[in-house]
PDB file of N, CA and C in Angstrom:
ATOM      1  N   TRP A   1      77.886  98.921  91.450  1.00  0.00           N
ATOM      2  CA  TRP A   1      78.224 100.304  91.173  1.00  0.00           C
ATOM      3  C   TRP A   1      77.770 100.654  89.774  1.00  0.00           C
ATOM      4  N   ILE A   2      77.125 101.782  89.620  1.00  0.00           N
ATOM      5  CA  ILE A   2      76.671 102.262  88.321  1.00  0.00           C
ATOM      6  C   ILE A   2      77.683 103.286  87.825  1.00  0.00           C
ATOM      7  N   SER A   3      78.300 103.003  86.677  1.00  0.00           N
ATOM      8  CA  SER A   3      79.283 103.941  86.146  1.00  0.00           C
ATOM      9  C   SER A   3      78.655 104.907  85.148  1.00  0.00           C
ATOM     10  N   LEU A   4      77.506 104.540  84.587  1.00  0.00           N
ATOM     11  CA  LEU A   4      76.869 105.392  83.588  1.00  0.00           C
ATOM     12  C   LEU A   4      75.379 105.081  83.569  1.00  0.00           C
ATOM     13  N   ALA A   5      74.555 106.115  83.580  1.00  0.00           N
ATOM     14  CA  ALA A   5      73.104 105.968  83.476  1.00  0.00           C
ATOM     15  C   ALA A   5      72.629 106.944  82.403  1.00  0.00           C
ATOM     16  N   ILE A   6      72.031 106.390  81.345  1.00  0.00           N
ATOM     17  CA  ILE A   6      71.615 107.220  80.211  1.00  0.00           C
ATOM     18  C   ILE A   6      70.251 106.782  79.696  1.00  0.00           C
ATOM     19  N   ALA A   7      69.591 107.695  79.037  1.00  0.00           N
ATOM     20  CA  ALA A   7      68.379 107.394  78.279  1.00  0.00           C
ATOM     21  C   ALA A   7      68.673 107.752  76.831  1.00  0.00           C
ATOM     22  N   VAL A   8      68.224 106.918  75.918  1.00  0.00           N
ATOM     23  CA  VAL A   8      68.479 107.158  74.500  1.00  0.00           C
ATOM     24  C   VAL A   8      67.203 106.947  73.687  1.00  0.00           C
ATOM     25  N   ASP A   9      67.125 107.641  72.575  1.00  0.00           N
ATOM     26  CA  ASP A   9      66.026 107.434  71.634  1.00  0.00           C
ATOM     27  C   ASP A   9      66.509 107.865  70.254  1.00  0.00           C
ATOM     28  N   ALA A  10      65.958 107.231  69.249  1.00  0.00           N
ATOM     29  CA  ALA A  10      66.378 107.534  67.885  1.00  0.00           C
ATOM     30  C   ALA A  10      65.181 107.509  66.947  1.00  0.00           C
ATOM     31  N   SER A  11      65.375 108.160  65.831  1.00  0.00           N
ATOM     32  CA  SER A  11      64.423 108.106  64.720  1.00  0.00           C
ATOM     33  C   SER A  11      65.250 107.915  63.458  1.00  0.00           C
ATOM     34  N   PRO A  12      64.608 107.703  62.332  1.00  0.00           N
ATOM     35  CA  PRO A  12      65.380 107.582  61.090  1.00  0.00           C
ATOM     36  C   PRO A  12      66.069 108.877  60.655  1.00  0.00           C
ATOM     37  N   TRP A  13      65.859 109.974  61.379  1.00  0.00           N
ATOM     38  CA  TRP A  13      66.451 111.258  61.010  1.00  0.00           C
ATOM     39  C   TRP A  13      67.475 111.763  62.024  1.00  0.00           C
ATOM     40  N   GLY A  14      67.473 111.185  63.232  1.00  0.00           N
ATOM     41  CA  GLY A  14      68.406 111.623  64.253  1.00  0.00           C
ATOM     42  C   GLY A  14      68.136 110.932  65.566  1.00  0.00           C
ATOM     43  N   GLY A  15      68.893 111.307  66.573  1.00  0.00           N
ATOM     44  CA  GLY A  15      68.719 110.673  67.873  1.00  0.00           C
ATOM     45  C   GLY A  15      69.205 111.579  68.982  1.00  0.00           C
ATOM     46  N   GLY A  16      68.973 111.135  70.196  1.00  0.00           N
ATOM     47  CA  GLY A  16      69.406 111.925  71.339  1.00  0.00           C
ATOM     48  C   GLY A  16      69.627 111.061  72.554  1.00  0.00           C
ATOM     49  N   ALA A  17      70.258 111.654  73.542  1.00  0.00           N
ATOM     50  CA  ALA A  17      70.547 110.943  74.782  1.00  0.00           C
ATOM     51  C   ALA A  17      70.562 111.921  75.944  1.00  0.00           C
ATOM     52  N   VAL A  18      70.249 111.406  77.116  1.00  0.00           N
ATOM     53  CA  VAL A  18      70.304 112.164  78.356  1.00  0.00           C
ATOM     54  C   VAL A  18      71.202 111.401  79.317  1.00  0.00           C
ATOM     55  N   LEU A  19      72.123 112.095  79.927  1.00  0.00           N
ATOM     56  CA  LEU A  19      72.994 111.538  80.950  1.00  0.00           C
ATOM     57  C   LEU A  19      72.398 111.876  82.305  1.00  0.00           C
ATOM     58  N   TYR A  20      72.289 110.861  83.169  1.00  0.00           N
ATOM     59  CA  TYR A  20      71.738 111.063  84.506  1.00  0.00           C
ATOM     60  C   TYR A  20      72.830 110.976  85.553  1.00  0.00           C
ATOM     61  N   ASP A  21      72.601 111.668  86.656  1.00  0.00           N
ATOM     62  CA  ASP A  21      73.442 111.498  87.836  1.00  0.00           C
ATOM     63  C   ASP A  21      73.323 110.024  88.199  1.00  0.00           C
ATOM     64  N   ASN A  22      74.427 109.327  88.259  1.00  0.00           N
ATOM     65  CA  ASN A  22      74.369 107.878  88.390  1.00  0.00           C
ATOM     66  C   ASN A  22      74.277 107.377  89.831  1.00  0.00           C
ATOM     67  N   ARG A  23      74.010 108.237  90.782  1.00  0.00           N
ATOM     68  CA  ARG A  23      73.901 107.773  92.170  1.00  0.00           C
ATOM     69  C   ARG A  23      72.595 107.048  92.436  1.00  0.00           C
ATOM     70  N   SER A  24      71.541 107.375  91.695  1.00  0.00           N
ATOM     71  CA  SER A  24      70.258 106.711  91.914  1.00  0.00           C
ATOM     72  C   SER A  24      69.432 106.745  90.642  1.00  0.00           C
ATOM     73  N   LEU A  25      69.068 105.567  90.157  1.00  0.00           N
ATOM     74  CA  LEU A  25      68.190 105.518  88.990  1.00  0.00           C
ATOM     75  C   LEU A  25      66.766 105.898  89.352  1.00  0.00           C
ATOM     76  N   ASN A  26      66.404 105.749  90.606  1.00  0.00           N
ATOM     77  CA  ASN A  26      65.039 106.058  91.020  1.00  0.00           C
ATOM     78  C   ASN A  26      64.729 107.546  90.904  1.00  0.00           C
ATOM     79  N   GLU A  27      65.711 108.379  91.163  1.00  0.00           N
ATOM     80  CA  GLU A  27      65.465 109.819  91.155  1.00  0.00           C
ATOM     81  C   GLU A  27      65.789 110.455  89.805  1.00  0.00           C
ATOM     82  N   ARG A  28      66.601 109.837  89.001  1.00  0.00           N
ATOM     83  CA  ARG A  28      66.957 110.265  87.650  1.00  0.00           C
ATOM     84  C   ARG A  28      67.087 111.781  87.484  1.00  0.00           C
ATOM     85  N   VAL A  29      68.180 112.305  87.936  1.00  0.00           N
ATOM     86  CA  VAL A  29      68.466 113.724  87.795  1.00  0.00           C
ATOM     87  C   VAL A  29      69.318 113.919  86.537  1.00  0.00           C
ATOM     88  N   PRO A  30      68.773 114.568  85.508  1.00  0.00           N
ATOM     89  CA  PRO A  30      69.569 114.770  84.291  1.00  0.00           C
ATOM     90  C   PRO A  30      70.693 115.763  84.521  1.00  0.00           C
ATOM     91  N   VAL A  31      71.866 115.461  83.951  1.00  0.00           N
ATOM     92  CA  VAL A  31      73.003 116.367  84.095  1.00  0.00           C
ATOM     93  C   VAL A  31      73.544 116.847  82.748  1.00  0.00           C
ATOM     94  N   ALA A  32      73.179 116.173  81.666  1.00  0.00           N
ATOM     95  CA  ALA A  32      73.621 116.589  80.331  1.00  0.00           C
ATOM     96  C   ALA A  32      72.728 115.925  79.292  1.00  0.00           C
ATOM     97  N   SER A  33      72.700 116.509  78.115  1.00  0.00           N
ATOM     98  CA  SER A  33      71.962 115.901  77.002  1.00  0.00           C
ATOM     99  C   SER A  33      72.682 116.215  75.700  1.00  0.00           C
ATOM    100  N   VAL A  34      72.360 115.423  74.699  1.00  0.00           N
ATOM    101  CA  VAL A  34      72.957 115.619  73.382  1.00  0.00           C
ATOM    102  C   VAL A  34      71.950 115.157  72.331  1.00  0.00           C
ATOM    103  N   ALA A  35      72.002 115.786  71.171  1.00  0.00           N
ATOM    104  CA  ALA A  35      71.137 115.389  70.055  1.00  0.00           C
ATOM    105  C   ALA A  35      71.973 115.346  68.786  1.00  0.00           C
ATOM    106  N   TRP A  36      71.655 114.392  67.938  1.00  0.00           N
ATOM    107  CA  TRP A  36      72.338 114.248  66.660  1.00  0.00           C
ATOM    108  C   TRP A  36      71.321 114.261  65.529  1.00  0.00           C
ATOM    109  N   THR A  37      71.661 114.907  64.449  1.00  0.00           N
ATOM    110  CA  THR A  37      70.941 114.777  63.184  1.00  0.00           C
ATOM    111  C   THR A  37      71.821 113.895  62.317  1.00  0.00           C
ATOM    112  N   TRP A  38      71.246 112.810  61.809  1.00  0.00           N
ATOM    113  CA  TRP A  38      72.069 111.878  61.017  1.00  0.00           C
ATOM    114  C   TRP A  38      72.584 112.550  59.755  1.00  0.00           C
ATOM    115  N   LEU A  39      73.831 112.272  59.453  1.00  0.00           N
ATOM    116  CA  LEU A  39      74.512 112.809  58.281  1.00  0.00           C
ATOM    117  C   LEU A  39      74.901 111.658  57.356  1.00  0.00           C
ATOM    118  N   SER A  40      75.388 111.989  56.182  1.00  0.00           N
ATOM    119  CA  SER A  40      75.820 110.941  55.255  1.00  0.00           C
ATOM    120  C   SER A  40      76.927 110.083  55.864  1.00  0.00           C
ATOM    121  N   SER A  41      77.767 110.668  56.714  1.00  0.00           N
ATOM    122  CA  SER A  41      78.812 109.884  57.380  1.00  0.00           C
ATOM    123  C   SER A  41      78.209 108.839  58.322  1.00  0.00           C
ATOM    124  N   ASP A  42      77.053 109.149  58.936  1.00  0.00           N
ATOM    125  CA  ASP A  42      76.371 108.179  59.792  1.00  0.00           C
ATOM    126  C   ASP A  42      75.780 107.050  58.941  1.00  0.00           C
ATOM    127  N   GLU A  43      75.260 107.417  57.771  1.00  0.00           N
ATOM    128  CA  GLU A  43      74.767 106.393  56.840  1.00  0.00           C
ATOM    129  C   GLU A  43      75.889 105.429  56.471  1.00  0.00           C
ATOM    130  N   GLU A  44      77.044 105.974  56.163  1.00  0.00           N
ATOM    131  CA  GLU A  44      78.187 105.132  55.783  1.00  0.00           C
ATOM    132  C   GLU A  44      78.614 104.247  56.940  1.00  0.00           C
ATOM    133  N   CYS A  45      78.668 104.813  58.122  1.00  0.00           N
ATOM    134  CA  CYS A  45      79.111 104.078  59.303  1.00  0.00           C
ATOM    135  C   CYS A  45      78.158 102.931  59.649  1.00  0.00           C
ATOM    136  N   THR A  46      76.869 103.159  59.501  1.00  0.00           N
ATOM    137  CA  THR A  46      75.865 102.164  59.885  1.00  0.00           C
ATOM    138  C   THR A  46      75.358 101.333  58.718  1.00  0.00           C
ATOM    139  N   GLN A  47      75.713 101.717  57.501  1.00  0.00           N
ATOM    140  CA  GLN A  47      75.207 101.067  56.283  1.00  0.00           C
ATOM    141  C   GLN A  47      73.681 101.151  56.219  1.00  0.00           C
ATOM    142  N   SER A  48      73.140 102.250  56.715  1.00  0.00           N
ATOM    143  CA  SER A  48      71.697 102.468  56.764  1.00  0.00           C
ATOM    144  C   SER A  48      71.327 103.688  55.943  1.00  0.00           C
ATOM    145  N   LYS A  49      70.046 103.906  55.770  1.00  0.00           N
ATOM    146  CA  LYS A  49      69.559 105.048  54.998  1.00  0.00           C
ATOM    147  C   LYS A  49      68.734 105.968  55.881  1.00  0.00           C
ATOM    148  N   ILE A  50      69.107 107.231  55.874  1.00  0.00           N
ATOM    149  CA  ILE A  50      68.380 108.239  56.632  1.00  0.00           C
ATOM    150  C   ILE A  50      66.945 108.311  56.124  1.00  0.00           C
ATOM    151  N   GLY A  51      66.009 108.382  57.062  1.00  0.00           N
ATOM    152  CA  GLY A  51      64.608 108.557  56.713  1.00  0.00           C
ATOM    153  C   GLY A  51      63.832 107.275  56.472  1.00  0.00           C
ATOM    154  N   LEU A  52      64.513 106.120  56.418  1.00  0.00           N
ATOM    155  CA  LEU A  52      63.808 104.868  56.169  1.00  0.00           C
ATOM    156  C   LEU A  52      63.565 104.124  57.483  1.00  0.00           C
ATOM    157  N   PRO A  53      62.302 103.864  57.821  1.00  0.00           N
ATOM    158  CA  PRO A  53      62.009 103.180  59.085  1.00  0.00           C
ATOM    159  C   PRO A  53      62.515 101.734  59.127  1.00  0.00           C
ATOM    160  N   ASP A  54      62.873 101.161  57.985  1.00  0.00           N
ATOM    161  CA  ASP A  54      63.415  99.798  57.958  1.00  0.00           C
ATOM    162  C   ASP A  54      64.690  99.678  58.790  1.00  0.00           C
ATOM    163  N   PHE A  55      65.380 100.780  59.021  1.00  0.00           N
ATOM    164  CA  PHE A  55      66.646 100.774  59.745  1.00  0.00           C
ATOM    165  C   PHE A  55      66.499 101.279  61.184  1.00  0.00           C
ATOM    166  N   GLN A  56      65.278 101.320  61.703  1.00  0.00           N
ATOM    167  CA  GLN A  56      65.042 101.871  63.037  1.00  0.00           C
ATOM    168  C   GLN A  56      65.884 101.189  64.113  1.00  0.00           C
ATOM    169  N   ALA A  57      65.969  99.876  64.091  1.00  0.00           N
ATOM    170  CA  ALA A  57      66.751  99.160  65.105  1.00  0.00           C
ATOM    171  C   ALA A  57      68.225  99.560  65.040  1.00  0.00           C
ATOM    172  N   VAL A  58      68.727  99.753  63.836  1.00  0.00           N
ATOM    173  CA  VAL A  58      70.126 100.162  63.667  1.00  0.00           C
ATOM    174  C   VAL A  58      70.343 101.541  64.270  1.00  0.00           C
ATOM    175  N   TRP A  59      69.430 102.467  64.001  1.00  0.00           N
ATOM    176  CA  TRP A  59      69.573 103.820  64.547  1.00  0.00           C
ATOM    177  C   TRP A  59      69.488 103.810  66.070  1.00  0.00           C
ATOM    178  N   GLU A  60      68.613 102.961  66.636  1.00  0.00           N
ATOM    179  CA  GLU A  60      68.495 102.865  68.092  1.00  0.00           C
ATOM    180  C   GLU A  60      69.803 102.351  68.704  1.00  0.00           C
ATOM    181  N   ALA A  61      70.396 101.336  68.087  1.00  0.00           N
ATOM    182  CA  ALA A  61      71.669 100.792  68.577  1.00  0.00           C
ATOM    183  C   ALA A  61      72.786 101.825  68.412  1.00  0.00           C
ATOM    184  N   TYR A  62      72.772 102.516  67.290  1.00  0.00           N
ATOM    185  CA  TYR A  62      73.819 103.491  66.982  1.00  0.00           C
ATOM    186  C   TYR A  62      73.807 104.657  67.971  1.00  0.00           C
ATOM    187  N   VAL A  63      72.637 105.150  68.320  1.00  0.00           N
ATOM    188  CA  VAL A  63      72.569 106.281  69.249  1.00  0.00           C
ATOM    189  C   VAL A  63      73.071 105.855  70.633  1.00  0.00           C
ATOM    190  N   LEU A  64      72.825 104.618  71.003  1.00  0.00           N
ATOM    191  CA  LEU A  64      73.361 104.114  72.267  1.00  0.00           C
ATOM    192  C   LEU A  64      74.890 104.069  72.228  1.00  0.00           C
ATOM    193  N   LEU A  65      75.429 103.575  71.127  1.00  0.00           N
ATOM    194  CA  LEU A  65      76.884 103.541  70.973  1.00  0.00           C
ATOM    195  C   LEU A  65      77.477 104.947  71.054  1.00  0.00           C
ATOM    196  N   LEU A  66      76.869 105.902  70.367  1.00  0.00           N
ATOM    197  CA  LEU A  66      77.367 107.284  70.398  1.00  0.00           C
ATOM    198  C   LEU A  66      77.329 107.866  71.808  1.00  0.00           C
ATOM    199  N   ALA A  67      76.249 107.592  72.544  1.00  0.00           N
ATOM    200  CA  ALA A  67      76.128 108.121  73.905  1.00  0.00           C
ATOM    201  C   ALA A  67      77.181 107.516  74.829  1.00  0.00           C
ATOM    202  N   VAL A  68      77.415 106.218  74.707  1.00  0.00           N
ATOM    203  CA  VAL A  68      78.431 105.578  75.540  1.00  0.00           C
ATOM    204  C   VAL A  68      79.816 106.116  75.172  1.00  0.00           C
ATOM    205  N   GLN A  69      80.073 106.279  73.887  1.00  0.00           N
ATOM    206  CA  GLN A  69      81.358 106.849  73.461  1.00  0.00           C
ATOM    207  C   GLN A  69      81.546 108.249  74.040  1.00  0.00           C
ATOM    208  N   LYS A  70      80.478 109.008  74.092  1.00  0.00           N
ATOM    209  CA  LYS A  70      80.566 110.386  74.569  1.00  0.00           C
ATOM    210  C   LYS A  70      80.804 110.465  76.085  1.00  0.00           C
ATOM    211  N   TRP A  71      80.111 109.622  76.872  1.00  0.00           N
ATOM    212  CA  TRP A  71      80.086 109.829  78.311  1.00  0.00           C
ATOM    213  C   TRP A  71      80.817 108.795  79.156  1.00  0.00           C
ATOM    214  N   LEU A  72      81.202 107.672  78.613  1.00  0.00           N
ATOM    215  CA  LEU A  72      81.878 106.678  79.439  1.00  0.00           C
ATOM    216  C   LEU A  72      83.321 107.105  79.677  1.00  0.00           C
ATOM    217  N   ARG A  73      83.664 107.286  80.939  1.00  0.00           N
ATOM    218  CA  ARG A  73      85.037 107.660  81.288  1.00  0.00           C
ATOM    219  C   ARG A  73      85.939 106.437  81.194  1.00  0.00           C
ATOM    220  N   PRO A  74      87.153 106.593  80.701  1.00  0.00           N
ATOM    221  CA  PRO A  74      88.064 105.456  80.556  1.00  0.00           C
ATOM    222  C   PRO A  74      88.380 104.750  81.877  1.00  0.00           C
ATOM    223  N   ASP A  75      88.369 105.490  82.981  1.00  0.00           N
ATOM    224  CA  ASP A  75      88.697 104.891  84.276  1.00  0.00           C
ATOM    225  C   ASP A  75      87.476 104.330  85.002  1.00  0.00           C
ATOM    226  N   ALA A  76      86.296 104.461  84.421  1.00  0.00           N
ATOM    227  CA  ALA A  76      85.067 104.009  85.077  1.00  0.00           C
ATOM    228  C   ALA A  76      84.943 102.490  85.009  1.00  0.00           C
ATOM    229  N   GLN A  77      84.348 101.932  86.051  1.00  0.00           N
ATOM    230  CA  GLN A  77      84.044 100.508  86.091  1.00  0.00           C
ATOM    231  C   GLN A  77      82.639 100.346  86.618  1.00  0.00           C
ATOM    232  N   GLY A  78      82.011  99.232  86.298  1.00  0.00           N
ATOM    233  CA  GLY A  78      80.688  98.956  86.832  1.00  0.00           C
ATOM    234  C   GLY A  78      79.636  98.832  85.754  1.00  0.00           C
ATOM    235  N   GLN A  79      78.411  98.957  86.188  1.00  0.00           N
ATOM    236  CA  GLN A  79      77.260  98.745  85.322  1.00  0.00           C
ATOM    237  C   GLN A  79      76.917  99.999  84.523  1.00  0.00           C
ATOM    238  N   ILE A  80      76.394  99.753  83.342  1.00  0.00           N
ATOM    239  CA  ILE A  80      75.859 100.833  82.517  1.00  0.00           C
ATOM    240  C   ILE A  80      74.365 100.577  82.381  1.00  0.00           C
ATOM    241  N   TRP A  81      73.592 101.543  82.811  1.00  0.00           N
ATOM    242  CA  TRP A  81      72.134 101.434  82.727  1.00  0.00           C
ATOM    243  C   TRP A  81      71.636 102.302  81.585  1.00  0.00           C
ATOM    244  N   VAL A  82      70.792 101.716  80.751  1.00  0.00           N
ATOM    245  CA  VAL A  82      70.269 102.403  79.582  1.00  0.00           C
ATOM    246  C   VAL A  82      68.749 102.322  79.601  1.00  0.00           C
ATOM    247  N   LEU A  83      68.109 103.473  79.537  1.00  0.00           N
ATOM    248  CA  LEU A  83      66.658 103.531  79.407  1.00  0.00           C
ATOM    249  C   LEU A  83      66.341 103.806  77.944  1.00  0.00           C
ATOM    250  N   SER A  84      65.437 103.007  77.379  1.00  0.00           N
ATOM    251  CA  SER A  84      65.105 103.149  75.964  1.00  0.00           C
ATOM    252  C   SER A  84      63.739 102.543  75.692  1.00  0.00           C
ATOM    253  N   ASP A  85      63.085 103.012  74.630  1.00  0.00           N
ATOM    254  CA  ASP A  85      61.829 102.400  74.218  1.00  0.00           C
ATOM    255  C   ASP A  85      62.061 101.263  73.221  1.00  0.00           C
ATOM    256  N   ALA A  86      63.316 100.990  72.881  1.00  0.00           N
ATOM    257  CA  ALA A  86      63.657  99.944  71.909  1.00  0.00           C
ATOM    258  C   ALA A  86      64.022  98.651  72.647  1.00  0.00           C
ATOM    259  N   GLU A  87      63.014  97.967  73.130  1.00  0.00           N
ATOM    260  CA  GLU A  87      63.214  96.786  73.977  1.00  0.00           C
ATOM    261  C   GLU A  87      64.036  95.694  73.285  1.00  0.00           C
ATOM    262  N   GLY A  88      63.723  95.407  72.031  1.00  0.00           N
ATOM    263  CA  GLY A  88      64.453  94.372  71.305  1.00  0.00           C
ATOM    264  C   GLY A  88      65.917  94.719  71.097  1.00  0.00           C
ATOM    265  N   VAL A  89      66.195  95.987  70.836  1.00  0.00           N
ATOM    266  CA  VAL A  89      67.577  96.433  70.642  1.00  0.00           C
ATOM    267  C   VAL A  89      68.346  96.332  71.954  1.00  0.00           C
ATOM    268  N   LEU A  90      67.718  96.726  73.055  1.00  0.00           N
ATOM    269  CA  LEU A  90      68.376  96.613  74.357  1.00  0.00           C
ATOM    270  C   LEU A  90      68.759  95.162  74.645  1.00  0.00           C
ATOM    271  N   ALA A  91      67.831  94.255  74.396  1.00  0.00           N
ATOM    272  CA  ALA A  91      68.093  92.833  74.642  1.00  0.00           C
ATOM    273  C   ALA A  91      69.211  92.321  73.742  1.00  0.00           C
ATOM    274  N   ALA A  92      69.173  92.703  72.475  1.00  0.00           N
ATOM    275  CA  ALA A  92      70.194  92.248  71.525  1.00  0.00           C
ATOM    276  C   ALA A  92      71.577  92.769  71.899  1.00  0.00           C
ATOM    277  N   LEU A  93      71.664  94.014  72.304  1.00  0.00           N
ATOM    278  CA  LEU A  93      72.965  94.580  72.674  1.00  0.00           C
ATOM    279  C   LEU A  93      73.483  93.979  73.969  1.00  0.00           C
ATOM    280  N   ALA A  94      72.590  93.707  74.919  1.00  0.00           N
ATOM    281  CA  ALA A  94      73.010  93.121  76.193  1.00  0.00           C
ATOM    282  C   ALA A  94      73.571  91.713  75.990  1.00  0.00           C
ATOM    283  N   LYS A  95      72.963  90.952  75.079  1.00  0.00           N
ATOM    284  CA  LYS A  95      73.466  89.589  74.844  1.00  0.00           C
ATOM    285  C   LYS A  95      74.440  89.523  73.669  1.00  0.00           C
ATOM    286  N   GLN A  96      74.680  90.673  73.033  1.00  0.00           N
ATOM    287  CA  GLN A  96      75.603  90.792  71.906  1.00  0.00           C
ATOM    288  C   GLN A  96      75.231  89.878  70.753  1.00  0.00           C
ATOM    289  N   SER A  97      73.938  89.810  70.494  1.00  0.00           N
ATOM    290  CA  SER A  97      73.453  88.970  69.401  1.00  0.00           C
ATOM    291  C   SER A  97      72.110  89.504  68.915  1.00  0.00           C
ATOM    292  N   ALA A  98      72.026  89.756  67.614  1.00  0.00           N
ATOM    293  CA  ALA A  98      70.791  90.275  67.023  1.00  0.00           C
ATOM    294  C   ALA A  98      70.530  89.572  65.697  1.00  0.00           C
ATOM    295  N   LYS A  99      69.308  89.641  65.225  1.00  0.00           N
ATOM    296  CA  LYS A  99      68.974  89.084  63.909  1.00  0.00           C
ATOM    297  C   LYS A  99      69.608  89.920  62.797  1.00  0.00           C
ATOM    298  N   SER A 100      69.725  91.197  63.035  1.00  0.00           N
ATOM    299  CA  SER A 100      70.291  92.118  62.045  1.00  0.00           C
ATOM    300  C   SER A 100      71.814  92.122  62.116  1.00  0.00           C
ATOM    301  N   HIS A 101      72.458  91.863  60.987  1.00  0.00           N
ATOM    302  CA  HIS A 101      73.928  91.904  60.991  1.00  0.00           C
ATOM    303  C   HIS A 101      74.433  93.322  61.258  1.00  0.00           C
ATOM    304  N   LEU A 102      73.654  94.331  60.907  1.00  0.00           N
ATOM    305  CA  LEU A 102      74.057  95.713  61.160  1.00  0.00           C
ATOM    306  C   LEU A 102      74.032  96.020  62.667  1.00  0.00           C
ATOM    307  N   VAL A 103      73.003  95.554  63.358  1.00  0.00           N
ATOM    308  CA  VAL A 103      72.946  95.728  64.808  1.00  0.00           C
ATOM    309  C   VAL A 103      74.061  94.921  65.461  1.00  0.00           C
ATOM    310  N   ASN A 104      74.367  93.742  64.924  1.00  0.00           N
ATOM    311  CA  ASN A 104      75.475  92.949  65.458  1.00  0.00           C
ATOM    312  C   ASN A 104      76.810  93.676  65.330  1.00  0.00           C
ATOM    313  N   GLU A 105      77.009  94.399  64.248  1.00  0.00           N
ATOM    314  CA  GLU A 105      78.250  95.163  64.080  1.00  0.00           C
ATOM    315  C   GLU A 105      78.356  96.248  65.151  1.00  0.00           C
ATOM    316  N   ILE A 106      77.246  96.902  65.440  1.00  0.00           N
ATOM    317  CA  ILE A 106      77.240  97.925  66.494  1.00  0.00           C
ATOM    318  C   ILE A 106      77.459  97.266  67.853  1.00  0.00           C
ATOM    319  N   ALA A 107      76.866  96.090  68.069  1.00  0.00           N
ATOM    320  CA  ALA A 107      77.057  95.360  69.328  1.00  0.00           C
ATOM    321  C   ALA A 107      78.533  95.017  69.531  1.00  0.00           C
ATOM    322  N   LYS A 108      79.223  94.648  68.469  1.00  0.00           N
ATOM    323  CA  LYS A 108      80.658  94.355  68.567  1.00  0.00           C
ATOM    324  C   LYS A 108      81.437  95.602  68.981  1.00  0.00           C
ATOM    325  N   GLU A 109      81.129  96.734  68.361  1.00  0.00           N
ATOM    326  CA  GLU A 109      81.798  97.989  68.713  1.00  0.00           C
ATOM    327  C   GLU A 109      81.536  98.357  70.171  1.00  0.00           C
ATOM    328  N   LEU A 110      80.304  98.172  70.594  1.00  0.00           N
ATOM    329  CA  LEU A 110      79.949  98.474  71.973  1.00  0.00           C
ATOM    330  C   LEU A 110      80.694  97.544  72.939  1.00  0.00           C
ATOM    331  N   ALA A 111      80.779  96.274  72.602  1.00  0.00           N
ATOM    332  CA  ALA A 111      81.496  95.312  73.455  1.00  0.00           C
ATOM    333  C   ALA A 111      82.969  95.684  73.588  1.00  0.00           C
ATOM    334  N   LEU A 112      83.576  96.109  72.496  1.00  0.00           N
ATOM    335  CA  LEU A 112      84.982  96.531  72.551  1.00  0.00           C
ATOM    336  C   LEU A 112      85.161  97.760  73.439  1.00  0.00           C
ATOM    337  N   LEU A 113      84.179  98.628  73.422  1.00  0.00           N
ATOM    338  CA  LEU A 113      84.222  99.839  74.241  1.00  0.00           C
ATOM    339  C   LEU A 113      84.050  99.518  75.732  1.00  0.00           C
ATOM    340  N   LEU A 114      83.228  98.520  76.035  1.00  0.00           N
ATOM    341  CA  LEU A 114      82.917  98.190  77.421  1.00  0.00           C
ATOM    342  C   LEU A 114      83.920  97.235  78.062  1.00  0.00           C
ATOM    343  N   ALA A 115      84.612  96.459  77.247  1.00  0.00           N
ATOM    344  CA  ALA A 115      85.486  95.398  77.764  1.00  0.00           C
ATOM    345  C   ALA A 115      86.587  95.882  78.717  1.00  0.00           C
ATOM    346  N   PRO A 116      87.312  96.959  78.416  1.00  0.00           N
ATOM    347  CA  PRO A 116      88.418  97.345  79.302  1.00  0.00           C
ATOM    348  C   PRO A 116      87.998  97.610  80.753  1.00  0.00           C
ATOM    349  N   GLY A 117      86.814  98.130  80.965  1.00  0.00           N
ATOM    350  CA  GLY A 117      86.351  98.425  82.321  1.00  0.00           C
ATOM    351  C   GLY A 117      85.517  97.309  82.926  1.00  0.00           C
ATOM    352  N   GLY A 118      85.346  96.213  82.194  1.00  0.00           N
ATOM    353  CA  GLY A 118      84.525  95.117  82.693  1.00  0.00           C
ATOM    354  C   GLY A 118      83.078  95.509  82.906  1.00  0.00           C
ATOM    355  N   HIS A 119      82.578  96.417  82.076  1.00  0.00           N
ATOM    356  CA  HIS A 119      81.215  96.932  82.224  1.00  0.00           C
ATOM    357  C   HIS A 119      80.175  95.895  81.815  1.00  0.00           C
ATOM    358  N   THR A 120      79.032  95.964  82.461  1.00  0.00           N
ATOM    359  CA  THR A 120      77.875  95.193  82.026  1.00  0.00           C
ATOM    360  C   THR A 120      76.803  96.177  81.584  1.00  0.00           C
ATOM    361  N   LEU A 121      76.094  95.806  80.539  1.00  0.00           N
ATOM    362  CA  LEU A 121      75.037  96.652  79.995  1.00  0.00           C
ATOM    363  C   LEU A 121      73.697  96.149  80.504  1.00  0.00           C
ATOM    364  N   ASN A 122      72.946  97.032  81.117  1.00  0.00           N
ATOM    365  CA  ASN A 122      71.628  96.703  81.652  1.00  0.00           C
ATOM    366  C   ASN A 122      70.603  97.613  81.000  1.00  0.00           C
ATOM    367  N   GLY A 123      69.678  97.044  80.270  1.00  0.00           N
ATOM    368  CA  GLY A 123      68.652  97.827  79.604  1.00  0.00           C
ATOM    369  C   GLY A 123      67.372  97.877  80.409  1.00  0.00           C
ATOM    370  N   VAL A 124      66.764  99.041  80.421  1.00  0.00           N
ATOM    371  CA  VAL A 124      65.464  99.223  81.068  1.00  0.00           C
ATOM    372  C   VAL A 124      64.508  99.734  79.999  1.00  0.00           C
ATOM    373  N   HIS A 125      63.504  98.920  79.682  1.00  0.00           N
ATOM    374  CA  HIS A 125      62.534  99.321  78.672  1.00  0.00           C
ATOM    375  C   HIS A 125      61.569 100.337  79.268  1.00  0.00           C
ATOM    376  N   VAL A 126      61.435 101.457  78.606  1.00  0.00           N
ATOM    377  CA  VAL A 126      60.467 102.470  79.010  1.00  0.00           C
ATOM    378  C   VAL A 126      59.535 102.727  77.833  1.00  0.00           C
ATOM    379  N   TRP A 127      58.309 102.998  78.114  1.00  0.00           N
ATOM    380  CA  TRP A 127      57.347 103.264  77.049  1.00  0.00           C
ATOM    381  C   TRP A 127      57.618 104.615  76.413  1.00  0.00           C
ATOM    382  N   ALA A 128      57.468 104.657  75.111  1.00  0.00           N
ATOM    383  CA  ALA A 128      57.612 105.919  74.389  1.00  0.00           C
ATOM    384  C   ALA A 128      56.449 106.838  74.769  1.00  0.00           C
ATOM    385  N   GLU A 129      56.728 108.116  74.846  1.00  0.00           N
ATOM    386  CA  GLU A 129      55.662 109.071  75.191  1.00  0.00           C
ATOM    387  C   GLU A 129      55.243 109.849  73.984  1.00  0.00           C
TER     388      GLU A 129
END
């Protein structure tokens, strides 16, 4: 059972996400979207700097966390499917282990969010357009 299907993307200046009808990943019907412009509060939360590409992996992980926080229903159970062009970040979040301690902190937050429903995170790498 798929409880959440989303696509996410980030840049050093902001990020966005699309929520899909979760009945079929093959047809991917968008039902909602959201965009964020990073603020100083996001810098503080992620310990990253807006505009610096050195923190790209952190921003990619962070936008995924924000999207899950926004759309995951507390009573939902099952798999969470994420489409992203950040293949390494998807892998790190799925196994809850990254080279970056900042990405690891986000992975911990994501794990705490997913644990009550027994969710599994499944990443699908898509090429950036």
